[in-house]
C-alpha atoms as a PDB file:
ATOM      1  CA  MET A   1      13.714   4.612 -32.238  1.00  0.00           C
ATOM      2  CA  LYS A   2      13.903   1.591 -34.674  1.00  0.00           C
ATOM      3  CA  ARG A   3      14.904  -1.705 -33.107  1.00  0.00           C
ATOM      4  CA  LYS A   4      17.734  -3.463 -34.778  1.00  0.00           C
ATOM      5  CA  SER A   5      16.619  -6.952 -35.926  1.00  0.00           C
ATOM      6  CA  ASN A   6      18.439 -10.008 -34.714  1.00  0.00           C
ATOM      7  CA  TYR A   7      17.690 -11.700 -38.042  1.00  0.00           C
ATOM      8  CA  ARG A   8      20.359 -11.733 -40.623  1.00  0.00           C
ATOM      9  CA  PRO A   9      19.990 -11.190 -44.393  1.00  0.00           C
ATOM     10  CA  ILE A  10      20.416 -14.906 -44.993  1.00  0.00           C
ATOM     11  CA  ASP A  11      17.694 -15.650 -42.443  1.00  0.00           C
ATOM     12  CA  TYR A  12      15.197 -13.577 -44.382  1.00  0.00           C
ATOM     13  CA  LEU A  13      16.173 -15.285 -47.529  1.00  0.00           C
ATOM     14  CA  VAL A  14      15.703 -18.763 -46.068  1.00  0.00           C
ATOM     15  CA  LEU A  15      12.327 -17.789 -44.601  1.00  0.00           C
ATOM     16  CA  ILE A  16      11.101 -16.368 -47.785  1.00  0.00           C
ATOM     17  CA  TYR A  17      12.248 -19.450 -49.704  1.00  0.00           C
ATOM     18  CA  CYS A  18      10.565 -21.823 -47.354  1.00  0.00           C
ATOM     19  CA  ILE A  19       7.255 -19.832 -47.469  1.00  0.00           C
ATOM     20  CA  LEU A  20       7.354 -19.914 -51.245  1.00  0.00           C
ATOM     21  CA  ASN A  21       7.884 -23.715 -51.247  1.00  0.00           C
ATOM     22  CA  ILE A  22       5.084 -24.188 -48.640  1.00  0.00           C
ATOM     23  CA  LEU A  23       2.646 -22.225 -50.874  1.00  0.00           C
ATOM     24  CA  TYR A  24       3.875 -24.294 -53.900  1.00  0.00           C
ATOM     25  CA  ILE A  25       3.177 -27.521 -52.107  1.00  0.00           C
ATOM     26  CA  PHE A  26      -0.405 -26.275 -51.300  1.00  0.00           C
ATOM     27  CA  LEU A  27      -0.681 -25.391 -55.039  1.00  0.00           C
ATOM     28  CA  GLY A  28       0.378 -28.970 -56.021  1.00  0.00           C
ATOM     29  CA  ILE A  29      -1.993 -30.629 -53.550  1.00  0.00           C
ATOM     30  CA  ILE A  30      -4.895 -28.454 -55.015  1.00  0.00           C
ATOM     31  CA  LEU A  31      -3.996 -29.335 -58.561  1.00  0.00           C
ATOM     32  CA  HIS A  32      -3.218 -32.932 -58.212  1.00  0.00           C
ATOM     33  CA  GLY A  33      -4.059 -34.232 -54.634  1.00  0.00           C
ATOM     34  CA  ALA A  34      -1.622 -35.235 -51.798  1.00  0.00           C
ATOM     35  CA  GLY A  35      -1.281 -38.829 -53.243  1.00  0.00           C
ATOM     36  CA  SER A  36      -0.753 -37.908 -56.815  1.00  0.00           C
ATOM     37  CA  GLU A  37       2.021 -39.466 -58.816  1.00  0.00           C
ATOM     38  CA  PHE A  38       3.116 -36.041 -59.840  1.00  0.00           C
ATOM     39  CA  LEU A  39       3.992 -35.120 -56.173  1.00  0.00           C
ATOM     40  CA  HIS A  40       6.513 -37.134 -54.131  1.00  0.00           C
ATOM     41  CA  GLN A  41       5.519 -37.137 -50.397  1.00  0.00           C
ATOM     42  CA  PRO A  42       4.298 -33.446 -50.316  1.00  0.00           C
ATOM     43  CA  LEU A  43       3.155 -33.606 -46.780  1.00  0.00           C
ATOM     44  CA  LYS A  44       6.592 -34.686 -45.569  1.00  0.00           C
ATOM     45  CA  HIS A  45       8.270 -31.862 -47.330  1.00  0.00           C
ATOM     46  CA  LEU A  46       5.648 -29.478 -46.047  1.00  0.00           C
ATOM     47  CA  ALA A  47       6.604 -30.613 -42.527  1.00  0.00           C
ATOM     48  CA  ILE A  48      10.247 -30.172 -43.210  1.00  0.00           C
ATOM     49  CA  PHE A  49       9.929 -26.670 -44.722  1.00  0.00           C
ATOM     50  CA  CYS A  50       7.842 -25.754 -41.655  1.00  0.00           C
ATOM     51  CA  GLY A  51      10.481 -27.196 -39.362  1.00  0.00           C
ATOM     52  CA  ILE A  52      13.301 -25.114 -41.070  1.00  0.00           C
ATOM     53  CA  ILE A  53      11.231 -22.015 -40.434  1.00  0.00           C
ATOM     54  CA  LEU A  54      10.962 -22.934 -36.745  1.00  0.00           C
ATOM     55  CA  LEU A  55      14.742 -23.625 -36.787  1.00  0.00           C
ATOM     56  CA  VAL A  56      15.494 -20.131 -38.166  1.00  0.00           C
ATOM     57  CA  VAL A  57      13.304 -18.567 -35.432  1.00  0.00           C
ATOM     58  CA  CYS A  58      14.793 -20.692 -32.592  1.00  0.00           C
ATOM     59  CA  LEU A  59      18.381 -19.913 -33.706  1.00  0.00           C
ATOM     60  CA  GLU A  60      17.617 -16.154 -33.664  1.00  0.00           C
ATOM     61  CA  ARG A  61      15.972 -16.425 -30.236  1.00  0.00           C
ATOM     62  CA  TRP A  62      18.734 -18.600 -28.909  1.00  0.00           C
ATOM     63  CA  GLU A  63      21.455 -16.182 -29.993  1.00  0.00           C
ATOM     64  CA  GLN A  64      19.436 -13.282 -28.698  1.00  0.00           C
ATOM     65  CA  HIS A  65      19.321 -14.665 -25.138  1.00  0.00           C
ATOM     66  CA  LYS A  66      22.645 -16.467 -25.044  1.00  0.00           C
ATOM     67  CA  GLU A  67      25.560 -15.421 -27.318  1.00  0.00           C
ATOM     68  CA  GLY A  68      28.440 -17.611 -27.931  1.00  0.00           C
ATOM     69  CA  ARG A  69      30.843 -19.170 -30.459  1.00  0.00           C
ATOM     70  CA  PHE A  70      28.730 -22.270 -31.097  1.00  0.00           C
ATOM     71  CA  ILE A  71      25.488 -20.559 -31.697  1.00  0.00           C
ATOM     72  CA  SER A  72      27.212 -18.066 -34.039  1.00  0.00           C
ATOM     73  CA  LEU A  73      28.831 -20.830 -35.919  1.00  0.00           C
ATOM     74  CA  LEU A  74      25.443 -22.473 -36.404  1.00  0.00           C
ATOM     75  CA  ARG A  75      23.868 -19.317 -37.654  1.00  0.00           C
ATOM     76  CA  ASP A  76      26.823 -18.681 -40.041  1.00  0.00           C
ATOM     77  CA  TRP A  77      26.500 -22.089 -41.739  1.00  0.00           C
ATOM     78  CA  TYR A  78      23.063 -23.619 -41.336  1.00  0.00           C
ATOM     79  CA  ALA A  79      21.763 -22.385 -44.586  1.00  0.00           C
ATOM     80  CA  ILE A  80      24.643 -23.782 -46.628  1.00  0.00           C
ATOM     81  CA  THR A  81      24.121 -27.184 -44.934  1.00  0.00           C
ATOM     82  CA  LEU A  82      20.465 -27.054 -46.291  1.00  0.00           C
ATOM     83  CA  PHE A  83      21.319 -26.739 -49.919  1.00  0.00           C
ATOM     84  CA  LEU A  84      21.334 -30.448 -50.535  1.00  0.00           C
ATOM     85  CA  TYR A  85      17.906 -30.995 -49.102  1.00  0.00           C
ATOM     86  CA  PHE A  86      16.560 -28.051 -50.940  1.00  0.00           C
ATOM     87  CA  PHE A  87      17.803 -29.477 -54.163  1.00  0.00           C
ATOM     88  CA  GLU A  88      16.305 -32.919 -53.551  1.00  0.00           C
ATOM     89  CA  ALA A  89      13.071 -31.302 -52.630  1.00  0.00           C
ATOM     90  CA  THR A  90      12.720 -29.813 -56.175  1.00  0.00           C
ATOM     91  CA  SER A  91      12.532 -33.386 -57.390  1.00  0.00           C
ATOM     92  CA  ALA A  92       9.324 -33.927 -55.329  1.00  0.00           C
ATOM     93  CA  LEU A  93       7.671 -30.602 -56.529  1.00  0.00           C
ATOM     94  CA  ASN A  94       8.938 -30.049 -60.121  1.00  0.00           C
ATOM     95  CA  ARG A  95       5.927 -31.700 -61.858  1.00  0.00           C
ATOM     96  CA  THR A  96       3.372 -29.418 -60.238  1.00  0.00           C
ATOM     97  CA  ILE A  97       2.887 -27.152 -63.317  1.00  0.00           C
ATOM     98  CA  PHE A  98       4.043 -29.453 -66.046  1.00  0.00           C
ATOM     99  CA  PRO A  99       3.145 -33.018 -65.084  1.00  0.00           C
ATOM    100  CA  GLU A 100       5.606 -34.258 -67.802  1.00  0.00           C
ATOM    101  CA  PHE A 101       9.219 -33.333 -68.421  1.00  0.00           C
ATOM    102  CA  ILE A 102       9.580 -30.658 -71.056  1.00  0.00           C
ATOM    103  CA  ASP A 103      13.064 -31.675 -72.400  1.00  0.00           C
ATOM    104  CA  GLY A 104      11.772 -31.659 -75.968  1.00  0.00           C
ATOM    105  CA  PHE A 105      11.496 -27.805 -75.905  1.00  0.00           C
ATOM    106  CA  PHE A 106      15.144 -27.324 -74.844  1.00  0.00           C
ATOM    107  CA  MET A 107      16.472 -30.060 -77.227  1.00  0.00           C
ATOM    108  CA  ARG A 108      14.795 -28.114 -80.078  1.00  0.00           C
ATOM    109  CA  ILE A 109      16.640 -24.937 -79.007  1.00  0.00           C
ATOM    110  CA  ASP A 110      20.000 -26.796 -79.091  1.00  0.00           C
ATOM    111  CA  ALA A 111      19.159 -28.248 -82.428  1.00  0.00           C
ATOM    112  CA  LEU A 112      18.324 -24.790 -83.978  1.00  0.00           C
ATOM    113  CA  ILE A 113      21.661 -23.438 -82.620  1.00  0.00           C
ATOM    114  CA  PHE A 114      23.852 -26.504 -83.699  1.00  0.00           C
ATOM    115  CA  GLY A 115      21.971 -28.549 -86.013  1.00  0.00           C
ATOM    116  CA  TYR A 116      22.592 -31.462 -83.624  1.00  0.00           C
ATOM    117  CA  GLN A 117      22.487 -32.259 -79.824  1.00  0.00           C
ATOM    118  CA  PRO A 118      25.654 -31.131 -78.171  1.00  0.00           C
ATOM    119  CA  ALA A 119      24.744 -33.032 -74.939  1.00  0.00           C
ATOM    120  CA  LEU A 120      24.853 -36.227 -77.084  1.00  0.00           C
ATOM    121  CA  GLU A 121      27.606 -35.534 -79.692  1.00  0.00           C
ATOM    122  CA  TRP A 122      30.425 -33.738 -77.687  1.00  0.00           C
ATOM    123  CA  GLY A 123      30.981 -36.548 -75.277  1.00  0.00           C
ATOM    124  CA  LEU A 124      30.593 -39.393 -77.805  1.00  0.00           C
ATOM    125  CA  LYS A 125      32.729 -37.892 -80.668  1.00  0.00           C
ATOM    126  CA  HIS A 126      35.502 -36.714 -78.373  1.00  0.00           C
ATOM    127  CA  ASP A 127      35.482 -39.685 -75.982  1.00  0.00           C
ATOM    128  CA  SER A 128      38.867 -40.508 -74.617  1.00  0.00           C
ATOM    129  CA  TRP A 129      40.333 -41.440 -71.231  1.00  0.00           C
ATOM    130  CA  PHE A 130      42.034 -38.058 -70.895  1.00  0.00           C
ATOM    131  CA  LEU A 131      39.144 -35.744 -71.894  1.00  0.00           C
ATOM    132  CA  SER A 132      36.666 -37.786 -69.848  1.00  0.00           C
ATOM    133  CA  GLU A 133      38.803 -37.506 -66.722  1.00  0.00           C
ATOM    134  CA  LEU A 134      39.503 -33.884 -67.348  1.00  0.00           C
ATOM    135  CA  PHE A 135      35.824 -32.837 -67.738  1.00  0.00           C
ATOM    136  CA  HIS A 136      34.481 -35.185 -65.039  1.00  0.00           C
ATOM    137  CA  PHE A 137      37.119 -33.739 -62.679  1.00  0.00           C
ATOM    138  CA  ALA A 138      35.905 -30.280 -63.620  1.00  0.00           C
ATOM    139  CA  TYR A 139      32.423 -31.193 -62.975  1.00  0.00           C
ATOM    140  CA  PHE A 140      33.226 -32.905 -59.648  1.00  0.00           C
ATOM    141  CA  SER A 141      35.270 -29.827 -58.605  1.00  0.00           C
ATOM    142  CA  TYR A 142      31.811 -28.146 -58.071  1.00  0.00           C
ATOM    143  CA  TYR A 143      31.474 -30.213 -54.899  1.00  0.00           C
ATOM    144  CA  LEU A 144      34.923 -28.845 -53.596  1.00  0.00           C
ATOM    145  CA  MET A 145      34.155 -25.174 -53.948  1.00  0.00           C
ATOM    146  CA  GLY A 146      32.869 -24.930 -50.431  1.00  0.00           C
ATOM    147  CA  VAL A 147      36.528 -24.876 -49.431  1.00  0.00           C
ATOM    148  CA  PHE A 148      36.685 -21.272 -50.733  1.00  0.00           C
ATOM    149  CA  TYR A 149      33.980 -20.237 -48.418  1.00  0.00           C
ATOM    150  CA  LEU A 150      35.595 -22.026 -45.509  1.00  0.00           C
ATOM    151  CA  PHE A 151      38.889 -20.105 -46.307  1.00  0.00           C
ATOM    152  CA  VAL A 152      37.071 -16.775 -46.424  1.00  0.00           C
ATOM    153  CA  TYR A 153      35.212 -17.565 -43.142  1.00  0.00           C
ATOM    154  CA  LEU A 154      38.554 -18.118 -41.332  1.00  0.00           C
ATOM    155  CA  LYS A 155      40.119 -15.052 -42.740  1.00  0.00           C
ATOM    156  CA  LYS A 156      37.278 -12.436 -42.956  1.00  0.00           C
ATOM    157  CA  ARG A 157      33.997 -13.529 -41.579  1.00  0.00           C
ATOM    158  CA  GLU A 158      32.114 -10.374 -42.752  1.00  0.00           C
ATOM    159  CA  LEU A 159      32.928 -11.145 -46.291  1.00  0.00           C
ATOM    160  CA  PHE A 160      31.774 -14.806 -45.821  1.00  0.00           C
ATOM    161  CA  LEU A 161      28.401 -13.543 -44.692  1.00  0.00           C
ATOM    162  CA  ARG A 162      28.051 -11.465 -47.840  1.00  0.00           C
ATOM    163  CA  TYR A 163      29.270 -14.400 -50.081  1.00  0.00           C
ATOM    164  CA  ALA A 164      27.016 -16.929 -48.470  1.00  0.00           C
ATOM    165  CA  PHE A 165      23.990 -14.571 -48.970  1.00  0.00           C
ATOM    166  CA  GLN A 166      24.776 -14.287 -52.646  1.00  0.00           C
ATOM    167  CA  LEU A 167      25.450 -18.026 -53.033  1.00  0.00           C
ATOM    168  CA  ALA A 168      22.051 -18.910 -51.350  1.00  0.00           C
ATOM    169  CA  PHE A 169      20.233 -16.207 -53.392  1.00  0.00           C
ATOM    170  CA  VAL A 170      21.456 -17.764 -56.745  1.00  0.00           C
ATOM    171  CA  PHE A 171      20.840 -21.352 -55.462  1.00  0.00           C
ATOM    172  CA  PHE A 172      17.214 -20.363 -54.396  1.00  0.00           C
ATOM    173  CA  VAL A 173      16.392 -18.695 -57.767  1.00  0.00           C
ATOM    174  CA  CYS A 174      17.720 -21.787 -59.619  1.00  0.00           C
ATOM    175  CA  TYR A 175      15.770 -24.098 -57.320  1.00  0.00           C
ATOM    176  CA  LEU A 176      12.508 -22.117 -57.828  1.00  0.00           C
ATOM    177  CA  THR A 177      13.082 -22.388 -61.521  1.00  0.00           C
ATOM    178  CA  PHE A 178      13.582 -26.159 -61.179  1.00  0.00           C
ATOM    179  CA  ASN A 179      10.135 -26.337 -59.369  1.00  0.00           C
ATOM    180  CA  VAL A 180       8.363 -24.697 -62.313  1.00  0.00           C
ATOM    181  CA  LEU A 181      10.444 -26.136 -65.303  1.00  0.00           C
ATOM    182  CA  PRO A 182      10.944 -29.845 -65.188  1.00  0.00           C
ATOM    183  CA  VAL A 183      14.001 -30.627 -67.271  1.00  0.00           C
ATOM    184  CA  VAL A 184      16.046 -33.855 -67.033  1.00  0.00           C
ATOM    185  CA  GLY A 185      18.888 -32.583 -69.170  1.00  0.00           C
ATOM    186  CA  GLY A 186      21.237 -34.368 -71.436  1.00  0.00           C
ATOM    187  CA  ARG A 187      20.658 -37.708 -69.594  1.00  0.00           C
ATOM    188  CA  ASN A 188      17.227 -37.693 -71.201  1.00  0.00           C
ATOM    189  CA  LEU A 189      18.730 -38.344 -74.599  1.00  0.00           C
ATOM    190  CA  GLU A 190      18.786 -41.851 -75.824  1.00  0.00           C
ATOM    191  CA  GLY A 191      21.511 -43.959 -74.110  1.00  0.00           C
ATOM    192  CA  MET A 192      22.825 -41.021 -71.982  1.00  0.00           C
ATOM    193  CA  MET A 193      21.210 -41.934 -68.721  1.00  0.00           C
ATOM    194  CA  LYS A 194      22.815 -45.417 -68.913  1.00  0.00           C
ATOM    195  CA  LEU A 195      26.198 -43.971 -69.988  1.00  0.00           C
ATOM    196  CA  ALA A 196      26.188 -41.382 -67.241  1.00  0.00           C
ATOM    197  CA  GLU A 197      25.936 -44.141 -64.612  1.00  0.00           C
ATOM    198  CA  THR A 198      28.385 -46.577 -66.330  1.00  0.00           C
ATOM    199  CA  TYR A 199      31.780 -47.152 -64.588  1.00  0.00           C
ATOM    200  CA  ARG A 200      34.498 -46.490 -67.250  1.00  0.00           C
ATOM    201  CA  HIS A 201      37.765 -44.716 -67.855  1.00  0.00           C
ATOM    202  CA  GLY A 202      39.436 -43.307 -64.701  1.00  0.00           C
ATOM    203  CA  PRO A 203      38.582 -42.281 -61.069  1.00  0.00           C
ATOM    204  CA  PHE A 204      36.725 -39.107 -61.666  1.00  0.00           C
ATOM    205  CA  THR A 205      34.443 -40.595 -64.438  1.00  0.00           C
ATOM    206  CA  HIS A 206      33.796 -43.427 -61.848  1.00  0.00           C
ATOM    207  CA  VAL A 207      33.063 -40.959 -59.065  1.00  0.00           C
ATOM    208  CA  MET A 208      30.426 -39.033 -61.110  1.00  0.00           C
ATOM    209  CA  ALA A 209      28.865 -42.271 -62.250  1.00  0.00           C
ATOM    210  CA  PHE A 210      28.593 -43.325 -58.615  1.00  0.00           C
ATOM    211  CA  ILE A 211      27.056 -39.973 -57.597  1.00  0.00           C
ATOM    212  CA  TYR A 212      24.425 -40.285 -60.349  1.00  0.00           C
ATOM    213  CA  ARG A 213      23.662 -43.906 -59.470  1.00  0.00           C
ATOM    214  CA  MET A 214      23.047 -42.870 -55.860  1.00  0.00           C
ATOM    215  CA  SER A 215      21.008 -39.749 -56.671  1.00  0.00           C
ATOM    216  CA  PRO A 216      17.495 -40.711 -58.187  1.00  0.00           C
ATOM    217  CA  HIS A 217      16.504 -37.109 -58.790  1.00  0.00           C
ATOM    218  CA  LYS A 218      15.186 -36.086 -62.223  1.00  0.00           C
ATOM    219  CA  GLY A 219      14.744 -32.458 -63.185  1.00  0.00           C
ATOM    220  CA  GLY A 220      16.919 -29.582 -62.106  1.00  0.00           C
ATOM    221  CA  ALA A 221      18.673 -28.995 -65.353  1.00  0.00           C
ATOM    222  CA  PHE A 222      17.539 -25.632 -66.460  1.00  0.00           C
ATOM    223  CA  PRO A 223      19.368 -23.450 -65.761  1.00  0.00           C
ATOM    224  CA  SER A 224      22.525 -25.306 -64.879  1.00  0.00           C
ATOM    225  CA  SER A 225      23.018 -24.544 -61.299  1.00  0.00           C
ATOM    226  CA  HIS A 226      26.522 -26.002 -61.590  1.00  0.00           C
ATOM    227  CA  VAL A 227      27.368 -23.182 -63.977  1.00  0.00           C
ATOM    228  CA  ALA A 228      25.512 -20.479 -62.099  1.00  0.00           C
ATOM    229  CA  VAL A 229      26.994 -21.330 -58.699  1.00  0.00           C
ATOM    230  CA  ALA A 230      30.583 -21.965 -60.088  1.00  0.00           C
ATOM    231  CA  LEU A 231      30.330 -18.504 -61.573  1.00  0.00           C
ATOM    232  CA  VAL A 232      29.200 -16.981 -58.336  1.00  0.00           C
ATOM    233  CA  VAL A 233      32.197 -18.629 -56.572  1.00  0.00           C
ATOM    234  CA  ASN A 234      34.529 -17.297 -59.227  1.00  0.00           C
ATOM    235  CA  LEU A 235      33.147 -13.669 -58.969  1.00  0.00           C
ATOM    236  CA  SER A 236      33.301 -13.863 -55.202  1.00  0.00           C
ATOM    237  CA  ALA A 237      36.910 -14.979 -55.449  1.00  0.00           C
ATOM    238  CA  PHE A 238      37.672 -12.066 -57.800  1.00  0.00           C
ATOM    239  CA  HIS A 239      35.969  -9.823 -55.213  1.00  0.00           C
ATOM    240  CA  TYR A 240      38.140 -11.335 -52.424  1.00  0.00           C
ATOM    241  CA  ARG A 241      41.422 -11.316 -54.244  1.00  0.00           C
ATOM    242  CA  LYS A 242      41.998 -10.991 -57.982  1.00  0.00           C
ATOM    243  CA  GLN A 243      44.713 -13.717 -58.028  1.00  0.00           C
ATOM    244  CA  THR A 244      42.264 -16.155 -56.516  1.00  0.00           C
ATOM    245  CA  GLY A 245      39.610 -15.323 -59.110  1.00  0.00           C
ATOM    246  CA  TRP A 246      42.184 -15.885 -61.910  1.00  0.00           C
ATOM    247  CA  LEU A 247      43.225 -19.065 -60.377  1.00  0.00           C
ATOM    248  CA  LEU A 248      39.613 -20.513 -60.422  1.00  0.00           C
ATOM    249  CA  LEU A 249      38.624 -19.044 -63.798  1.00  0.00           C
ATOM    250  CA  PRO A 250      40.136 -21.998 -65.967  1.00  0.00           C
ATOM    251  CA  LEU A 251      38.460 -24.580 -63.693  1.00  0.00           C
ATOM    252  CA  VAL A 252      35.088 -22.737 -64.014  1.00  0.00           C
ATOM    253  CA  THR A 253      35.472 -22.586 -67.783  1.00  0.00           C
ATOM    254  CA  LEU A 254      36.169 -26.378 -68.012  1.00  0.00           C
ATOM    255  CA  LEU A 255      33.206 -26.984 -65.639  1.00  0.00           C
ATOM    256  CA  THR A 256      30.875 -25.024 -67.826  1.00  0.00           C
ATOM    257  CA  ILE A 257      31.932 -27.155 -70.904  1.00  0.00           C
ATOM    258  CA  SER A 258      31.873 -30.379 -68.889  1.00  0.00           C
ATOM    259  CA  THR A 259      28.110 -29.942 -68.139  1.00  0.00           C
ATOM    260  CA  VAL A 260      27.371 -30.557 -71.752  1.00  0.00           C
ATOM    261  CA  TYR A 261      30.356 -32.938 -72.507  1.00  0.00           C
ATOM    262  CA  CYS A 262      29.383 -35.219 -69.669  1.00  0.00           C
ATOM    263  CA  HIS A 263      25.745 -35.436 -71.024  1.00  0.00           C
ATOM    264  CA  TYR A 264      24.234 -33.787 -67.938  1.00  0.00           C
ATOM    265  CA  HIS A 265      22.842 -30.508 -69.432  1.00  0.00           C
ATOM    266  CA  TYR A 266      21.805 -29.091 -72.749  1.00  0.00           C
ATOM    267  CA  PHE A 267      23.914 -26.188 -74.130  1.00  0.00           C
ATOM    268  CA  ILE A 268      21.120 -23.769 -73.500  1.00  0.00           C
ATOM    269  CA  ASP A 269      21.103 -24.734 -69.832  1.00  0.00           C
ATOM    270  CA  THR A 270      24.726 -23.513 -69.526  1.00  0.00           C
ATOM    271  CA  ILE A 271      23.910 -20.164 -71.220  1.00  0.00           C
ATOM    272  CA  PHE A 272      21.111 -19.503 -68.680  1.00  0.00           C
ATOM    273  CA  GLY A 273      23.366 -20.756 -66.001  1.00  0.00           C
ATOM    274  CA  LEU A 274      25.826 -18.095 -66.828  1.00  0.00           C
ATOM    275  CA  LEU A 275      23.020 -15.490 -67.069  1.00  0.00           C
ATOM    276  CA  TYR A 276      21.652 -16.522 -63.785  1.00  0.00           C
ATOM    277  CA  GLY A 277      25.068 -16.563 -61.947  1.00  0.00           C
ATOM    278  CA  LEU A 278      26.112 -13.153 -63.248  1.00  0.00           C
ATOM    279  CA  GLY A 279      22.834 -11.382 -62.992  1.00  0.00           C
ATOM    280  CA  PHE A 280      21.708 -12.685 -59.598  1.00  0.00           C
ATOM    281  CA  TYR A 281      25.094 -12.329 -58.148  1.00  0.00           C
ATOM    282  CA  TYR A 282      25.115  -8.588 -58.673  1.00  0.00           C
ATOM    283  CA  LEU A 283      21.494  -8.183 -57.710  1.00  0.00           C
ATOM    284  CA  SER A 284      21.925 -10.107 -54.505  1.00  0.00           C
ATOM    285  CA  GLY A 285      24.956  -8.010 -53.688  1.00  0.00           C
ATOM    286  CA  ARG A 286      23.019  -4.844 -54.058  1.00  0.00           C
ATOM    287  CA  ILE A 287      20.158  -6.243 -51.943  1.00  0.00           C
ATOM    288  CA  TYR A 288      22.609  -7.292 -49.207  1.00  0.00           C
ATOM    289  CA  GLU A 289      24.255  -3.829 -49.167  1.00  0.00           C
ATOM    290  CA  ASN A 290      20.839  -2.090 -48.993  1.00  0.00           C
ATOM    291  CA  MET A 291      19.812  -4.402 -46.121  1.00  0.00           C
ATOM    292  CA  LEU A 292      22.926  -3.462 -44.135  1.00  0.00           C
ATOM    293  CA  LYS A 293      22.507   0.222 -44.847  1.00  0.00           C
ATOM    294  CA  SER A 294      18.980   0.153 -43.451  1.00  0.00           C
ATOM    295  CA  GLY A 295      20.584  -0.161 -39.990  1.00  0.00           C
ATOM    296  CA  ARG A 296      18.014  -2.633 -38.832  1.00  0.00           C
ATOM    297  CA  ILE A 297      19.742  -5.898 -39.916  1.00  0.00           C
ATOM    298  CA  ASN A 298      22.158  -7.864 -37.736  1.00  0.00           C
ATOM    299  CA  VAL A 299      25.183  -9.661 -39.032  1.00  0.00           C
END
């Protein structure tokens, strides 16, 4: 008789992601050396990824021997709390394959499509207090979308576990792409880095300038994880309740435009953000269902 695993689908996802990053760190050390300018504290990140693997194993063992609301809460949410670290870690590893940022390639794609750089022109030609606040608010709303997952968790935990798995899957695919393709995004265009960090207009433009001043990361622009994740949230909202999905759709549409208007992403980044979000949302949903049908996965 097959023993039912105490590991959850998202546990396997986190373990696989950490192992891939550990292998990638070793590749970077082999190619450049641990003290290279192209790697930022690789040994530190190696230790952290190993520590996260140990955390997943310990949480599984803890719940196996002592069930309770607290340990269940930790296992439900630990992966989501790690997203920020995982994103920042990409900045330490994203120059492993390409030592220099490859923005020029993506800029040429935008130029072929439009004949100009949308990440430069849209925000400058249509600059106003109202539009700046509208689009910076839409971009900032990305950081508030966790409220949807909290709402679902309180209402229907089994759906939360599915949505969290799909969210993590899309995040991780984006992050692995960031590791391989170092792209700064629209801020790499002349004058845009300074503009993105300048306090001007109203509160939301100020807030986003503050965030970018405090976050020193470079890279992580292709594909736009903001667009990919926002679409995943929207699709999950439609799955949960159609009215909720329609309510979020205008905000997600504005957020998609804002990534270019606010000089954070190239237009092509948003297209692939949509493709990643749509494609990997459905793929991860199929994987999750198959894992549950196997009868060996615990939720």
